[in-house]
Amino acid sequence: MKLSAQTQKLLGGLTPETRAKVDRIIRRHLAACMRNGSPIESFDRLYTEAVEVVALEERFPDAPLPFTPPPSWEPVRRYDQYLSPRDM
């Protein structure tokens, strides 16, 4: 695996926690490629995209959306103004 100087510099500037997250994404991607038989095209691009994904996940973490049920459930209604030929 040969990485360009620019990619090595990018990886060298990461914190150990961020580097661990990037490595986890890389391993998961490589395992998926091996399972599907897909060729791995560019390690430089792969590492760059993994760093971008980790940066986005740190900036916008996944927050669960609060679920509030509606005040009361409505019954299912059927309006027979139009029936398609398939419904008949």
PDB file of N, CA and C in Angstrom:
ATOM      1  N   MET A   1       0.845  -1.164   0.000  1.00  0.00           N
ATOM      2  CA  MET A   1       0.000   0.000   0.000  1.00  0.00           C
ATOM      3  C   MET A   1       0.895   1.231   0.000  1.00  0.00           C
ATOM      4  N   LYS A   2       0.779   2.023  -1.043  1.00  0.00           N
ATOM      5  CA  LYS A   2       1.600   3.218  -1.198  1.00  0.00           C
ATOM      6  C   LYS A   2       0.701   4.443  -1.094  1.00  0.00           C
ATOM      7  N   LEU A   3       0.988   5.317  -0.137  1.00  0.00           N
ATOM      8  CA  LEU A   3       0.223   6.541   0.042  1.00  0.00           C
ATOM      9  C   LEU A   3       1.070   7.734  -0.372  1.00  0.00           C
ATOM     10  N   SER A   4       0.415   8.738  -0.908  1.00  0.00           N
ATOM     11  CA  SER A   4       1.134   9.938  -1.318  1.00  0.00           C
ATOM     12  C   SER A   4       1.548  10.738  -0.080  1.00  0.00           C
ATOM     13  N   ALA A   5       2.479  11.667  -0.285  1.00  0.00           N
ATOM     14  CA  ALA A   5       2.966  12.501   0.819  1.00  0.00           C
ATOM     15  C   ALA A   5       1.840  13.353   1.391  1.00  0.00           C
ATOM     16  N   GLN A   6       0.947  13.800   0.534  1.00  0.00           N
ATOM     17  CA  GLN A   6      -0.173  14.628   0.990  1.00  0.00           C
ATOM     18  C   GLN A   6      -1.105  13.827   1.905  1.00  0.00           C
ATOM     19  N   THR A   7      -1.374  12.580   1.554  1.00  0.00           N
ATOM     20  CA  THR A   7      -2.237  11.738   2.377  1.00  0.00           C
ATOM     21  C   THR A   7      -1.547  11.393   3.687  1.00  0.00           C
ATOM     22  N   GLN A   8      -0.249  11.117   3.636  1.00  0.00           N
ATOM     23  CA  GLN A   8       0.486  10.836   4.861  1.00  0.00           C
ATOM     24  C   GLN A   8       0.497  12.043   5.793  1.00  0.00           C
ATOM     25  N   LYS A   9       0.604  13.230   5.228  1.00  0.00           N
ATOM     26  CA  LYS A   9       0.571  14.451   6.029  1.00  0.00           C
ATOM     27  C   LYS A   9      -0.814  14.627   6.661  1.00  0.00           C
ATOM     28  N   LEU A  10      -1.875  14.331   5.891  1.00  0.00           N
ATOM     29  CA  LEU A  10      -3.238  14.416   6.405  1.00  0.00           C
ATOM     30  C   LEU A  10      -3.435  13.455   7.571  1.00  0.00           C
ATOM     31  N   LEU A  11      -2.967  12.241   7.420  1.00  0.00           N
ATOM     32  CA  LEU A  11      -3.116  11.240   8.484  1.00  0.00           C
ATOM     33  C   LEU A  11      -2.239  11.561   9.688  1.00  0.00           C
ATOM     34  N   GLY A  12      -1.093  12.163   9.449  1.00  0.00           N
ATOM     35  CA  GLY A  12      -0.200  12.516  10.552  1.00  0.00           C
ATOM     36  C   GLY A  12      -0.758  13.615  11.438  1.00  0.00           C
ATOM     37  N   GLY A  13      -1.630  14.445  10.913  1.00  0.00           N
ATOM     38  CA  GLY A  13      -2.199  15.535  11.692  1.00  0.00           C
ATOM     39  C   GLY A  13      -3.440  15.161  12.480  1.00  0.00           C
ATOM     40  N   LEU A  14      -3.849  13.907  12.431  1.00  0.00           N
ATOM     41  CA  LEU A  14      -5.043  13.474  13.147  1.00  0.00           C
ATOM     42  C   LEU A  14      -4.729  13.103  14.582  1.00  0.00           C
ATOM     43  N   THR A  15      -5.723  13.291  15.453  1.00  0.00           N
ATOM     44  CA  THR A  15      -5.572  12.836  16.836  1.00  0.00           C
ATOM     45  C   THR A  15      -5.706  11.316  16.860  1.00  0.00           C
ATOM     46  N   PRO A  16      -5.208  10.675  17.909  1.00  0.00           N
ATOM     47  CA  PRO A  16      -5.323   9.205  17.964  1.00  0.00           C
ATOM     48  C   PRO A  16      -6.774   8.704  17.909  1.00  0.00           C
ATOM     49  N   GLU A  17      -7.704   9.438  18.527  1.00  0.00           N
ATOM     50  CA  GLU A  17      -9.106   9.017  18.499  1.00  0.00           C
ATOM     51  C   GLU A  17      -9.665   9.103  17.081  1.00  0.00           C
ATOM     52  N   THR A  18      -9.356  10.202  16.392  1.00  0.00           N
ATOM     53  CA  THR A  18      -9.831  10.375  15.024  1.00  0.00           C
ATOM     54  C   THR A  18      -9.196   9.346  14.108  1.00  0.00           C
ATOM     55  N   ARG A  19      -7.923   9.087  14.311  1.00  0.00           N
ATOM     56  CA  ARG A  19      -7.219   8.091  13.490  1.00  0.00           C
ATOM     57  C   ARG A  19      -7.827   6.703  13.679  1.00  0.00           C
ATOM     58  N   ALA A  20      -8.248   6.386  14.914  1.00  0.00           N
ATOM     59  CA  ALA A  20      -8.882   5.093  15.167  1.00  0.00           C
ATOM     60  C   ALA A  20     -10.214   4.991  14.427  1.00  0.00           C
ATOM     61  N   LYS A  21     -10.980   6.091  14.398  1.00  0.00           N
ATOM     62  CA  LYS A  21     -12.250   6.089  13.678  1.00  0.00           C
ATOM     63  C   LYS A  21     -12.023   5.933  12.176  1.00  0.00           C
ATOM     64  N   VAL A  22     -11.010   6.617  11.654  1.00  0.00           N
ATOM     65  CA  VAL A  22     -10.681   6.514  10.230  1.00  0.00           C
ATOM     66  C   VAL A  22     -10.262   5.085   9.896  1.00  0.00           C
ATOM     67  N   ASP A  23      -9.426   4.504  10.724  1.00  0.00           N
ATOM     68  CA  ASP A  23      -8.982   3.125  10.487  1.00  0.00           C
ATOM     69  C   ASP A  23     -10.156   2.148  10.528  1.00  0.00           C
ATOM     70  N   ARG A  24     -11.120   2.387  11.411  1.00  0.00           N
ATOM     71  CA  ARG A  24     -12.291   1.521  11.492  1.00  0.00           C
ATOM     72  C   ARG A  24     -13.108   1.599  10.199  1.00  0.00           C
ATOM     73  N   ILE A  25     -13.263   2.808   9.665  1.00  0.00           N
ATOM     74  CA  ILE A  25     -14.001   2.972   8.406  1.00  0.00           C
ATOM     75  C   ILE A  25     -13.261   2.279   7.266  1.00  0.00           C
ATOM     76  N   ILE A  26     -11.925   2.434   7.228  1.00  0.00           N
ATOM     77  CA  ILE A  26     -11.119   1.816   6.173  1.00  0.00           C
ATOM     78  C   ILE A  26     -11.236   0.290   6.230  1.00  0.00           C
ATOM     79  N   ARG A  27     -11.117  -0.271   7.426  1.00  0.00           N
ATOM     80  CA  ARG A  27     -11.212  -1.728   7.561  1.00  0.00           C
ATOM     81  C   ARG A  27     -12.580  -2.241   7.130  1.00  0.00           C
ATOM     82  N   ARG A  28     -13.637  -1.508   7.524  1.00  0.00           N
ATOM     83  CA  ARG A  28     -14.986  -1.921   7.156  1.00  0.00           C
ATOM     84  C   ARG A  28     -15.176  -1.857   5.643  1.00  0.00           C
ATOM     85  N   HIS A  29     -14.625  -0.810   5.005  1.00  0.00           N
ATOM     86  CA  HIS A  29     -14.729  -0.671   3.550  1.00  0.00           C
ATOM     87  C   HIS A  29     -13.963  -1.781   2.833  1.00  0.00           C
ATOM     88  N   LEU A  30     -12.752  -2.062   3.292  1.00  0.00           N
ATOM     89  CA  LEU A  30     -11.947  -3.117   2.666  1.00  0.00           C
ATOM     90  C   LEU A  30     -12.601  -4.485   2.823  1.00  0.00           C
ATOM     91  N   ALA A  31     -13.213  -4.745   3.987  1.00  0.00           N
ATOM     92  CA  ALA A  31     -13.902  -6.020   4.197  1.00  0.00           C
ATOM     93  C   ALA A  31     -15.095  -6.140   3.253  1.00  0.00           C
ATOM     94  N   ALA A  32     -15.822  -5.033   3.059  1.00  0.00           N
ATOM     95  CA  ALA A  32     -16.965  -5.060   2.140  1.00  0.00           C
ATOM     96  C   ALA A  32     -16.494  -5.283   0.708  1.00  0.00           C
ATOM     97  N   CYS A  33     -15.386  -4.654   0.322  1.00  0.00           N
ATOM     98  CA  CYS A  33     -14.849  -4.858  -1.034  1.00  0.00           C
ATOM     99  C   CYS A  33     -14.428  -6.307  -1.248  1.00  0.00           C
ATOM    100  N   MET A  34     -13.804  -6.909  -0.256  1.00  0.00           N
ATOM    101  CA  MET A  34     -13.379  -8.309  -0.374  1.00  0.00           C
ATOM    102  C   MET A  34     -14.581  -9.241  -0.456  1.00  0.00           C
ATOM    103  N   ARG A  35     -15.623  -8.949   0.353  1.00  0.00           N
ATOM    104  CA  ARG A  35     -16.825  -9.781   0.331  1.00  0.00           C
ATOM    105  C   ARG A  35     -17.512  -9.736  -1.029  1.00  0.00           C
ATOM    106  N   ASN A  36     -17.544  -8.545  -1.631  1.00  0.00           N
ATOM    107  CA  ASN A  36     -18.245  -8.379  -2.904  1.00  0.00           C
ATOM    108  C   ASN A  36     -17.359  -8.612  -4.117  1.00  0.00           C
ATOM    109  N   GLY A  37     -16.064  -8.763  -3.903  1.00  0.00           N
ATOM    110  CA  GLY A  37     -15.156  -8.964  -5.017  1.00  0.00           C
ATOM    111  C   GLY A  37     -14.863  -7.700  -5.810  1.00  0.00           C
ATOM    112  N   SER A  38     -15.042  -6.540  -5.192  1.00  0.00           N
ATOM    113  CA  SER A  38     -14.793  -5.262  -5.867  1.00  0.00           C
ATOM    114  C   SER A  38     -13.316  -4.894  -5.750  1.00  0.00           C
ATOM    115  N   PRO A  39     -12.751  -4.339  -6.804  1.00  0.00           N
ATOM    116  CA  PRO A  39     -11.351  -3.915  -6.717  1.00  0.00           C
ATOM    117  C   PRO A  39     -11.237  -2.612  -5.911  1.00  0.00           C
ATOM    118  N   ILE A  40     -10.109  -2.451  -5.253  1.00  0.00           N
ATOM    119  CA  ILE A  40      -9.826  -1.230  -4.503  1.00  0.00           C
ATOM    120  C   ILE A  40      -9.019  -0.333  -5.425  1.00  0.00           C
ATOM    121  N   GLU A  41      -9.577   0.825  -5.740  1.00  0.00           N
ATOM    122  CA  GLU A  41      -8.976   1.657  -6.768  1.00  0.00           C
ATOM    123  C   GLU A  41      -7.863   2.555  -6.247  1.00  0.00           C
ATOM    124  N   SER A  42      -8.147   3.384  -5.242  1.00  0.00           N
ATOM    125  CA  SER A  42      -7.163   4.362  -4.795  1.00  0.00           C
ATOM    126  C   SER A  42      -7.201   4.479  -3.277  1.00  0.00           C
ATOM    127  N   PHE A  43      -6.094   4.122  -2.644  1.00  0.00           N
ATOM    128  CA  PHE A  43      -6.024   4.242  -1.198  1.00  0.00           C
ATOM    129  C   PHE A  43      -5.983   5.707  -0.773  1.00  0.00           C
ATOM    130  N   ASP A  44      -5.381   6.559  -1.578  1.00  0.00           N
ATOM    131  CA  ASP A  44      -5.340   7.981  -1.234  1.00  0.00           C
ATOM    132  C   ASP A  44      -6.755   8.541  -1.143  1.00  0.00           C
ATOM    133  N   ARG A  45      -7.561   8.257  -2.140  1.00  0.00           N
ATOM    134  CA  ARG A  45      -8.938   8.759  -2.142  1.00  0.00           C
ATOM    135  C   ARG A  45      -9.747   8.118  -1.023  1.00  0.00           C
ATOM    136  N   LEU A  46      -9.501   6.852  -0.743  1.00  0.00           N
ATOM    137  CA  LEU A  46     -10.200   6.141   0.312  1.00  0.00           C
ATOM    138  C   LEU A  46      -9.926   6.778   1.676  1.00  0.00           C
ATOM    139  N   TYR A  47      -8.659   7.057   1.962  1.00  0.00           N
ATOM    140  CA  TYR A  47      -8.305   7.692   3.237  1.00  0.00           C
ATOM    141  C   TYR A  47      -8.852   9.114   3.323  1.00  0.00           C
ATOM    142  N   THR A  48      -8.793   9.864   2.223  1.00  0.00           N
ATOM    143  CA  THR A  48      -9.305  11.233   2.227  1.00  0.00           C
ATOM    144  C   THR A  48     -10.799  11.242   2.517  1.00  0.00           C
ATOM    145  N   GLU A  49     -11.543  10.349   1.882  1.00  0.00           N
ATOM    146  CA  GLU A  49     -12.983  10.289   2.114  1.00  0.00           C
ATOM    147  C   GLU A  49     -13.298   9.826   3.528  1.00  0.00           C
ATOM    148  N   ALA A  50     -12.521   8.910   4.082  1.00  0.00           N
ATOM    149  CA  ALA A  50     -12.755   8.454   5.450  1.00  0.00           C
ATOM    150  C   ALA A  50     -12.527   9.592   6.447  1.00  0.00           C
ATOM    151  N   VAL A  51     -11.501  10.409   6.217  1.00  0.00           N
ATOM    152  CA  VAL A  51     -11.258  11.563   7.093  1.00  0.00           C
ATOM    153  C   VAL A  51     -12.420  12.546   6.992  1.00  0.00           C
ATOM    154  N   GLU A  52     -12.937  12.757   5.784  1.00  0.00           N
ATOM    155  CA  GLU A  52     -14.077  13.662   5.606  1.00  0.00           C
ATOM    156  C   GLU A  52     -15.319  13.129   6.305  1.00  0.00           C
ATOM    157  N   VAL A  53     -15.552  11.829   6.242  1.00  0.00           N
ATOM    158  CA  VAL A  53     -16.716  11.228   6.899  1.00  0.00           C
ATOM    159  C   VAL A  53     -16.613  11.393   8.407  1.00  0.00           C
ATOM    160  N   VAL A  54     -15.443  11.148   8.973  1.00  0.00           N
ATOM    161  CA  VAL A  54     -15.260  11.290  10.416  1.00  0.00           C
ATOM    162  C   VAL A  54     -15.455  12.747  10.828  1.00  0.00           C
ATOM    163  N   ALA A  55     -14.947  13.688  10.037  1.00  0.00           N
ATOM    164  CA  ALA A  55     -15.122  15.105  10.358  1.00  0.00           C
ATOM    165  C   ALA A  55     -16.600  15.488  10.335  1.00  0.00           C
ATOM    166  N   LEU A  56     -17.352  14.987   9.365  1.00  0.00           N
ATOM    167  CA  LEU A  56     -18.787  15.273   9.313  1.00  0.00           C
ATOM    168  C   LEU A  56     -19.531  14.648  10.484  1.00  0.00           C
ATOM    169  N   GLU A  57     -19.157  13.418  10.851  1.00  0.00           N
ATOM    170  CA  GLU A  57     -19.819  12.764  11.976  1.00  0.00           C
ATOM    171  C   GLU A  57     -19.521  13.467  13.284  1.00  0.00           C
ATOM    172  N   GLU A  58     -18.326  14.030  13.425  1.00  0.00           N
ATOM    173  CA  GLU A  58     -18.011  14.759  14.645  1.00  0.00           C
ATOM    174  C   GLU A  58     -18.722  16.109  14.675  1.00  0.00           C
ATOM    175  N   ARG A  59     -18.875  16.717  13.515  1.00  0.00           N
ATOM    176  CA  ARG A  59     -19.527  18.021  13.465  1.00  0.00           C
ATOM    177  C   ARG A  59     -21.036  17.901  13.653  1.00  0.00           C
ATOM    178  N   PHE A  60     -21.635  16.887  13.016  1.00  0.00           N
ATOM    179  CA  PHE A  60     -23.083  16.679  13.095  1.00  0.00           C
ATOM    180  C   PHE A  60     -23.362  15.265  13.603  1.00  0.00           C
ATOM    181  N   PRO A  61     -23.290  15.037  14.900  1.00  0.00           N
ATOM    182  CA  PRO A  61     -23.541  13.679  15.404  1.00  0.00           C
ATOM    183  C   PRO A  61     -25.003  13.289  15.203  1.00  0.00           C
ATOM    184  N   ASP A  62     -25.219  11.996  15.091  1.00  0.00           N
ATOM    185  CA  ASP A  62     -26.581  11.490  14.923  1.00  0.00           C
ATOM    186  C   ASP A  62     -27.317  11.613  16.247  1.00  0.00           C
ATOM    187  N   ALA A  63     -28.338  12.438  16.262  1.00  0.00           N
ATOM    188  CA  ALA A  63     -29.161  12.594  17.449  1.00  0.00           C
ATOM    189  C   ALA A  63     -30.499  11.920  17.176  1.00  0.00           C
ATOM    190  N   PRO A  64     -30.951  11.090  18.096  1.00  0.00           N
ATOM    191  CA  PRO A  64     -32.241  10.451  17.864  1.00  0.00           C
ATOM    192  C   PRO A  64     -33.352  11.498  17.878  1.00  0.00           C
ATOM    193  N   LEU A  65     -34.255  11.359  16.933  1.00  0.00           N
ATOM    194  CA  LEU A  65     -35.374  12.276  16.872  1.00  0.00           C
ATOM    195  C   LEU A  65     -36.403  11.897  17.931  1.00  0.00           C
ATOM    196  N   PRO A  66     -36.896  12.880  18.661  1.00  0.00           N
ATOM    197  CA  PRO A  66     -37.900  12.532  19.682  1.00  0.00           C
ATOM    198  C   PRO A  66     -39.207  12.116  19.019  1.00  0.00           C
ATOM    199  N   PHE A  67     -39.787  11.062  19.532  1.00  0.00           N
ATOM    200  CA  PHE A  67     -41.045  10.566  18.987  1.00  0.00           C
ATOM    201  C   PHE A  67     -42.167  10.999  19.911  1.00  0.00           C
ATOM    202  N   THR A  68     -43.084  11.738  19.374  1.00  0.00           N
ATOM    203  CA  THR A  68     -44.279  12.105  20.129  1.00  0.00           C
ATOM    204  C   THR A  68     -45.471  11.567  19.357  1.00  0.00           C
ATOM    205  N   PRO A  69     -46.201  10.655  19.953  1.00  0.00           N
ATOM    206  CA  PRO A  69     -47.346  10.095  19.243  1.00  0.00           C
ATOM    207  C   PRO A  69     -48.414  11.165  19.051  1.00  0.00           C
ATOM    208  N   PRO A  70     -49.202  11.029  18.031  1.00  0.00           N
ATOM    209  CA  PRO A  70     -50.281  11.991  17.834  1.00  0.00           C
ATOM    210  C   PRO A  70     -51.275  11.930  18.991  1.00  0.00           C
ATOM    211  N   PRO A  71     -52.040  12.973  19.189  1.00  0.00           N
ATOM    212  CA  PRO A  71     -52.965  12.975  20.326  1.00  0.00           C
ATOM    213  C   PRO A  71     -53.930  11.792  20.309  1.00  0.00           C
ATOM    214  N   SER A  72     -54.465  11.454  19.169  1.00  0.00           N
ATOM    215  CA  SER A  72     -55.317  10.273  19.072  1.00  0.00           C
ATOM    216  C   SER A  72     -55.152   9.698  17.667  1.00  0.00           C
ATOM    217  N   TRP A  73     -55.212   8.407  17.586  1.00  0.00           N
ATOM    218  CA  TRP A  73     -55.046   7.755  16.305  1.00  0.00           C
ATOM    219  C   TRP A  73     -56.340   7.846  15.512  1.00  0.00           C
ATOM    220  N   GLU A  74     -56.201   8.149  14.255  1.00  0.00           N
ATOM    221  CA  GLU A  74     -57.353   8.246  13.368  1.00  0.00           C
ATOM    222  C   GLU A  74     -57.628   6.878  12.755  1.00  0.00           C
ATOM    223  N   PRO A  75     -58.882   6.522  12.569  1.00  0.00           N
ATOM    224  CA  PRO A  75     -59.182   5.249  11.900  1.00  0.00           C
ATOM    225  C   PRO A  75     -58.851   5.347  10.412  1.00  0.00           C
ATOM    226  N   VAL A  76     -58.653   4.215   9.815  1.00  0.00           N
ATOM    227  CA  VAL A  76     -58.367   4.179   8.388  1.00  0.00           C
ATOM    228  C   VAL A  76     -59.663   4.497   7.657  1.00  0.00           C
ATOM    229  N   ARG A  77     -59.563   5.410   6.714  1.00  0.00           N
ATOM    230  CA  ARG A  77     -60.751   5.801   5.960  1.00  0.00           C
ATOM    231  C   ARG A  77     -60.577   5.403   4.509  1.00  0.00           C
ATOM    232  N   ARG A  78     -61.691   5.113   3.880  1.00  0.00           N
ATOM    233  CA  ARG A  78     -61.664   4.780   2.472  1.00  0.00           C
ATOM    234  C   ARG A  78     -62.730   5.615   1.770  1.00  0.00           C
ATOM    235  N   TYR A  79     -62.318   6.344   0.776  1.00  0.00           N
ATOM    236  CA  TYR A  79     -63.224   7.179   0.021  1.00  0.00           C
ATOM    237  C   TYR A  79     -63.485   6.501  -1.320  1.00  0.00           C
ATOM    238  N   ASP A  80     -64.753   6.213  -1.589  1.00  0.00           N
ATOM    239  CA  ASP A  80     -65.110   5.460  -2.782  1.00  0.00           C
ATOM    240  C   ASP A  80     -65.506   6.339  -3.962  1.00  0.00           C
ATOM    241  N   GLN A  81     -65.042   7.570  -4.002  1.00  0.00           N
ATOM    242  CA  GLN A  81     -65.374   8.419  -5.125  1.00  0.00           C
ATOM    243  C   GLN A  81     -64.762   7.864  -6.412  1.00  0.00           C
ATOM    244  N   TYR A  82     -63.592   7.336  -6.295  1.00  0.00           N
ATOM    245  CA  TYR A  82     -62.927   6.787  -7.473  1.00  0.00           C
ATOM    246  C   TYR A  82     -62.371   5.422  -7.127  1.00  0.00           C
ATOM    247  N   LEU A  83     -62.698   4.470  -7.929  1.00  0.00           N
ATOM    248  CA  LEU A  83     -62.120   3.137  -7.805  1.00  0.00           C
ATOM    249  C   LEU A  83     -61.441   2.812  -9.117  1.00  0.00           C
ATOM    250  N   SER A  84     -60.202   2.452  -9.042  1.00  0.00           N
ATOM    251  CA  SER A  84     -59.480   2.095 -10.264  1.00  0.00           C
ATOM    252  C   SER A  84     -59.951   0.719 -10.718  1.00  0.00           C
ATOM    253  N   PRO A  85     -59.737   0.399 -11.980  1.00  0.00           N
ATOM    254  CA  PRO A  85     -60.129  -0.929 -12.479  1.00  0.00           C
ATOM    255  C   PRO A  85     -59.464  -2.066 -11.702  1.00  0.00           C
ATOM    256  N   ARG A  86     -58.291  -1.812 -11.177  1.00  0.00           N
ATOM    257  CA  ARG A  86     -57.580  -2.853 -10.415  1.00  0.00           C
ATOM    258  C   ARG A  86     -58.300  -3.124  -9.091  1.00  0.00           C
ATOM    259  N   ASP A  87     -58.935  -2.073  -8.483  1.00  0.00           N
ATOM    260  CA  ASP A  87     -59.619  -2.256  -7.207  1.00  0.00           C
ATOM    261  C   ASP A  87     -60.944  -2.980  -7.334  1.00  0.00           C
ATOM    262  N   MET A  88     -61.520  -3.003  -8.523  1.00  0.00           N
ATOM    263  CA  MET A  88     -62.856  -3.610  -8.692  1.00  0.00           C
ATOM    264  C   MET A  88     -62.799  -5.091  -8.752  1.00  0.00           C
TER     265      MET A  88
END
